[in-house]
Amino acid sequence: MRVKCNKQKFKQLFGKGSSYLLSWAIPATILFLVATLLNQLNKVGSNPFELKSLADYLLVILWFAIPIVSIGLWIVLRKKTEYEFIASFLIYPVIMGIISVIPLFITKPRDISAANVQATVQNTKLYFIVLYFALIVGCVITLFLSKSVLKKSNWWLFITALPYLLTSFSAIKMQNSFEKLIHYSDFSFDNVSAMLRKTKMPDTRLMNPFWYKGISLIIVSFIGILGVLLGAVIWKKTRSWRR
């Protein structure tokens, strides 16, 4: 009994399968390798600006480079219709990058004095106000840039707003913890500065509970967008394989 093999059909199935596999496997592999590299960020010191380790260098470089790269990448992709929707999400790391510099305006972060603790508290309050405002602005801009896709289905509206909503919920939770701390009956700037000196906390900016999380969101969001974009590029390049 001879088994007949339809070479044309096999070629079509192989082409389609390869297209699907590469479109998902290659981006996923790259994301995994990058995520492995980012595990080094767990070794970041309490003050990464001291640049004492590889993790410190990695964090600072990614922190400031990603928003700039995101702007450049968006400029390149904004005129490409097939990548327009993905490119609109690049607004998020840019917005988060701008917000993340607010704690840097604390002039003497290593001065654990009552006056500097007070300045840090005021700076953190300002940080959350600007954060919510920037998230609203960023969401509106992203929705505007995604208007061609939003016309197809209302589900895209939810997907587009999701990063901003999740960030807002997380920020609200951390802000509530911060507000609870500074409204304790025995709270005072002198008491907090004395406590921080005992714990040898080297940087008052770390009183901001969302600062480092915001920085990590810059990195994670950009890597995610890059993975999706790479998958879209491979999907387009292998279009002829699926015919």
Protein backbone atom coordinates (compact mmCIF):
# COMPACT_ATOMS: atom_id res chain seq x y z
CA MET A 1 0.00 0.00 0.00
CA ARG A 2 1.51 3.28 -1.10
CA VAL A 3 0.91 6.45 0.88
CA LYS A 4 0.43 9.43 -1.36
CA CYS A 5 1.84 12.75 -0.23
CA ASN A 6 0.44 15.96 -1.61
CA LYS A 7 3.62 18.01 -1.78
CA GLN A 8 1.80 21.24 -2.49
CA LYS A 9 -0.50 20.84 0.49
CA PHE A 10 2.39 19.84 2.74
CA LYS A 11 4.32 22.91 1.61
CA GLN A 12 1.36 25.15 2.40
CA LEU A 13 0.86 23.62 5.85
CA PHE A 14 4.59 23.84 6.59
CA GLY A 15 4.67 27.48 5.50
CA LYS A 16 1.69 28.42 7.64
CA GLY A 17 3.01 26.52 10.63
CA SER A 18 6.43 28.13 10.34
CA SER A 19 4.88 31.58 10.06
CA TYR A 20 2.80 31.09 13.21
CA LEU A 21 5.71 29.53 15.09
CA LEU A 22 8.26 32.22 14.23
CA SER A 23 5.80 35.05 14.90
CA TRP A 24 5.35 33.82 18.46
CA ALA A 25 8.47 31.84 19.33
CA ILE A 26 11.16 34.35 18.35
CA PRO A 27 9.64 37.32 20.24
CA ALA A 28 8.90 35.08 23.22
CA THR A 29 12.50 33.80 23.26
CA ILE A 30 13.92 37.30 23.07
CA LEU A 31 11.60 38.48 25.84
CA PHE A 32 12.70 35.54 27.97
CA LEU A 33 16.38 36.34 27.45
CA VAL A 34 15.82 40.01 28.23
CA ALA A 35 13.76 39.12 31.30
CA THR A 36 16.63 36.91 32.46
CA LEU A 37 18.97 39.84 32.02
CA LEU A 38 16.61 42.10 33.95
CA ASN A 39 16.83 39.77 36.92
CA GLN A 40 20.06 41.61 37.53
CA LEU A 41 17.92 44.55 38.61
CA ASN A 42 17.14 42.64 41.80
CA LYS A 43 20.72 43.42 42.78
CA VAL A 44 20.27 47.18 42.42
CA GLY A 45 21.57 49.08 45.43
CA SER A 46 19.48 51.46 47.52
CA ASN A 47 21.05 54.29 45.54
CA PRO A 48 21.75 53.14 41.95
CA PHE A 49 23.32 56.51 41.10
CA GLU A 50 26.37 55.40 43.06
CA LEU A 51 26.94 52.90 40.22
CA LYS A 52 28.47 50.26 42.47
CA SER A 53 27.35 47.25 40.45
CA LEU A 54 26.40 46.09 36.96
CA ALA A 55 22.75 46.19 38.03
CA ASP A 56 23.09 49.88 38.94
CA TYR A 57 24.55 50.70 35.52
CA LEU A 58 21.85 48.63 33.78
CA LEU A 59 19.01 50.32 35.63
CA VAL A 60 20.24 53.87 35.07
CA ILE A 61 21.01 53.30 31.37
CA LEU A 62 17.64 51.66 30.65
CA TRP A 63 15.79 54.21 32.77
CA PHE A 64 16.98 57.19 30.73
CA ALA A 65 17.50 55.52 27.34
CA ILE A 66 14.11 53.84 26.93
CA PRO A 67 11.94 57.01 26.80
CA ILE A 68 14.31 58.50 24.20
CA VAL A 69 14.36 55.31 22.14
CA SER A 70 10.55 55.08 22.43
CA ILE A 71 10.15 58.55 20.93
CA GLY A 72 12.52 57.71 18.08
CA LEU A 73 10.81 54.38 17.42
CA TRP A 74 7.39 56.03 17.39
CA ILE A 75 8.58 58.62 14.84
CA VAL A 76 9.78 55.78 12.60
CA LEU A 77 6.62 53.69 12.96
CA ARG A 78 3.88 56.32 13.05
CA LYS A 79 3.55 56.43 9.27
CA LYS A 80 3.44 52.65 8.91
CA THR A 81 -0.25 51.73 9.06
CA GLU A 82 0.36 48.09 9.99
CA TYR A 83 2.31 49.10 13.11
CA GLU A 84 0.35 52.22 14.02
CA PHE A 85 -1.61 50.61 16.86
CA ILE A 86 1.43 48.99 18.47
CA ALA A 87 3.45 52.20 18.13
CA SER A 88 0.76 54.14 20.04
CA PHE A 89 1.66 52.19 23.20
CA LEU A 90 5.15 53.74 23.12
CA ILE A 91 3.55 56.80 24.70
CA TYR A 92 3.33 54.89 27.99
CA PRO A 93 7.09 54.46 28.71
CA VAL A 94 7.64 58.07 27.65
CA ILE A 95 5.00 59.31 30.10
CA MET A 96 6.33 57.12 32.90
CA GLY A 97 9.88 58.26 32.11
CA ILE A 98 8.94 61.93 32.43
CA ILE A 99 7.18 61.33 35.75
CA SER A 100 10.10 59.35 37.16
CA VAL A 101 12.42 62.39 37.21
CA ILE A 102 10.29 64.27 39.78
CA PRO A 103 12.01 62.72 42.84
CA LEU A 104 15.36 63.78 41.35
CA PHE A 105 14.49 67.38 42.20
CA ILE A 106 15.11 66.62 45.87
CA THR A 107 18.45 68.37 46.18
CA LYS A 108 19.94 66.54 49.17
CA PRO A 109 18.47 63.03 49.19
CA ARG A 110 21.20 61.67 51.46
CA ASP A 111 20.60 64.34 54.07
CA ILE A 112 18.39 62.50 56.57
CA SER A 113 17.19 65.64 58.30
CA ALA A 114 13.70 66.72 59.33
CA ALA A 115 13.75 69.48 56.69
CA ASN A 116 14.69 67.06 53.93
CA VAL A 117 12.12 64.50 55.05
CA GLN A 118 9.52 67.26 54.82
CA ALA A 119 10.74 68.17 51.32
CA THR A 120 10.52 64.50 50.32
CA VAL A 121 6.96 64.21 51.61
CA GLN A 122 5.93 67.28 49.60
CA ASN A 123 7.75 65.97 46.55
CA THR A 124 5.98 62.61 46.85
CA LYS A 125 2.58 64.30 47.09
CA LEU A 126 3.42 66.27 43.93
CA TYR A 127 4.63 63.07 42.27
CA PHE A 128 1.27 61.34 42.66
CA ILE A 129 -0.68 64.39 41.46
CA VAL A 130 1.46 64.67 38.32
CA LEU A 131 1.33 60.89 37.87
CA TYR A 132 -2.48 60.78 37.65
CA PHE A 133 -2.61 63.81 35.38
CA ALA A 134 0.08 62.38 33.09
CA LEU A 135 -1.65 58.99 32.93
CA ILE A 136 -4.88 60.68 31.81
CA VAL A 137 -3.02 62.73 29.18
CA GLY A 138 -1.06 59.67 28.02
CA CYS A 139 -4.23 57.59 27.74
CA VAL A 140 -5.98 60.29 25.69
CA ILE A 141 -2.98 60.59 23.35
CA THR A 142 -2.76 56.82 22.94
CA LEU A 143 -6.49 56.60 22.18
CA PHE A 144 -6.16 59.38 19.62
CA LEU A 145 -3.24 57.65 17.90
CA SER A 146 -5.24 54.40 17.88
CA LYS A 147 -8.45 55.88 16.45
CA SER A 148 -8.27 53.87 13.22
CA VAL A 149 -8.23 50.60 15.19
CA LEU A 150 -10.85 51.73 17.71
CA LYS A 151 -13.38 52.09 14.90
CA LYS A 152 -13.26 48.33 14.33
CA SER A 153 -14.22 47.22 17.85
CA ASN A 154 -14.87 48.69 21.28
CA TRP A 155 -12.63 46.02 22.78
CA TRP A 156 -9.59 47.89 21.48
CA LEU A 157 -10.64 50.82 23.66
CA PHE A 158 -10.28 48.65 26.76
CA ILE A 159 -6.95 47.17 25.61
CA THR A 160 -5.56 50.63 24.84
CA ALA A 161 -6.54 52.03 28.24
CA LEU A 162 -5.52 48.92 30.22
CA PRO A 163 -1.88 49.90 30.99
CA TYR A 164 -3.00 53.28 32.30
CA LEU A 165 -5.82 51.78 34.37
CA LEU A 166 -3.59 49.13 35.96
CA THR A 167 -0.93 51.72 36.74
CA SER A 168 -3.54 54.01 38.31
CA PHE A 169 -4.93 51.24 40.51
CA SER A 170 -1.45 50.29 41.71
CA ALA A 171 -0.51 53.93 42.34
CA ILE A 172 -3.70 54.58 44.31
CA LYS A 173 -2.98 51.60 46.54
CA MET A 174 0.56 52.79 47.26
CA GLN A 175 -0.52 56.40 47.70
CA ASN A 176 -3.08 55.30 50.31
CA SER A 177 -0.31 53.54 52.25
CA PHE A 178 1.84 56.67 52.04
CA GLU A 179 -1.01 58.95 53.15
CA LYS A 180 -1.79 56.59 56.03
CA LEU A 181 1.83 56.84 57.16
CA ILE A 182 2.04 60.62 57.19
CA HIS A 183 -1.32 60.96 58.97
CA TYR A 184 -0.44 58.81 61.96
CA SER A 185 -1.03 60.69 65.21
CA ASP A 186 2.63 60.42 66.22
CA PHE A 187 4.00 61.28 62.79
CA SER A 188 6.46 64.14 62.63
CA PHE A 189 9.38 64.96 60.37
CA ASP A 190 11.74 64.78 63.33
CA ASN A 191 10.50 61.32 64.30
CA VAL A 192 10.77 60.02 60.75
CA SER A 193 14.27 61.44 60.23
CA ALA A 194 15.40 59.88 63.52
CA MET A 195 13.92 56.54 62.47
CA LEU A 196 15.58 56.69 59.04
CA ARG A 197 18.96 57.46 60.58
CA LYS A 198 18.66 54.36 62.77
CA THR A 199 17.87 52.20 59.76
CA LYS A 200 20.71 53.87 57.83
CA MET A 201 18.43 54.62 54.91
CA PRO A 202 20.78 56.37 52.45
CA ASP A 203 18.20 58.16 50.31
CA THR A 204 15.03 59.93 51.45
CA ARG A 205 13.60 59.59 47.94
CA LEU A 206 12.93 55.95 48.71
CA MET A 207 10.08 57.20 50.90
CA ASN A 208 8.16 57.46 47.63
CA PRO A 209 6.56 53.98 47.50
CA PHE A 210 5.89 54.07 43.76
CA TRP A 211 9.14 55.54 42.44
CA TYR A 212 11.08 52.35 41.76
CA LYS A 213 7.96 50.54 40.61
CA GLY A 214 7.36 53.33 38.09
CA ILE A 215 10.93 52.93 36.83
CA SER A 216 10.48 49.16 36.47
CA LEU A 217 7.25 49.76 34.51
CA ILE A 218 9.21 51.85 32.00
CA ILE A 219 11.53 48.92 31.33
CA VAL A 220 8.93 46.15 31.40
CA SER A 221 6.42 47.99 29.19
CA PHE A 222 9.05 48.81 26.57
CA ILE A 223 10.26 45.22 26.40
CA GLY A 224 6.66 44.01 26.04
CA ILE A 225 5.96 46.49 23.25
CA LEU A 226 9.20 45.54 21.53
CA GLY A 227 8.25 41.84 21.67
CA VAL A 228 4.80 42.47 20.19
CA LEU A 229 6.31 44.71 17.51
CA LEU A 230 8.88 42.08 16.57
CA GLY A 231 6.11 39.48 16.29
CA ALA A 232 4.13 41.81 14.02
CA VAL A 233 7.17 42.38 11.79
CA ILE A 234 7.81 38.63 11.45
CA TRP A 235 4.10 38.05 10.78
CA LYS A 236 4.23 40.55 7.94
CA LYS A 237 7.49 39.21 6.49
CA THR A 238 6.12 35.66 6.44
CA ARG A 239 2.80 36.60 4.85
CA SER A 240 3.67 34.81 1.63
CA TRP A 241 4.27 31.60 3.61
CA ARG A 242 0.61 31.51 4.62
CA ARG A 243 -0.74 31.69 1.09
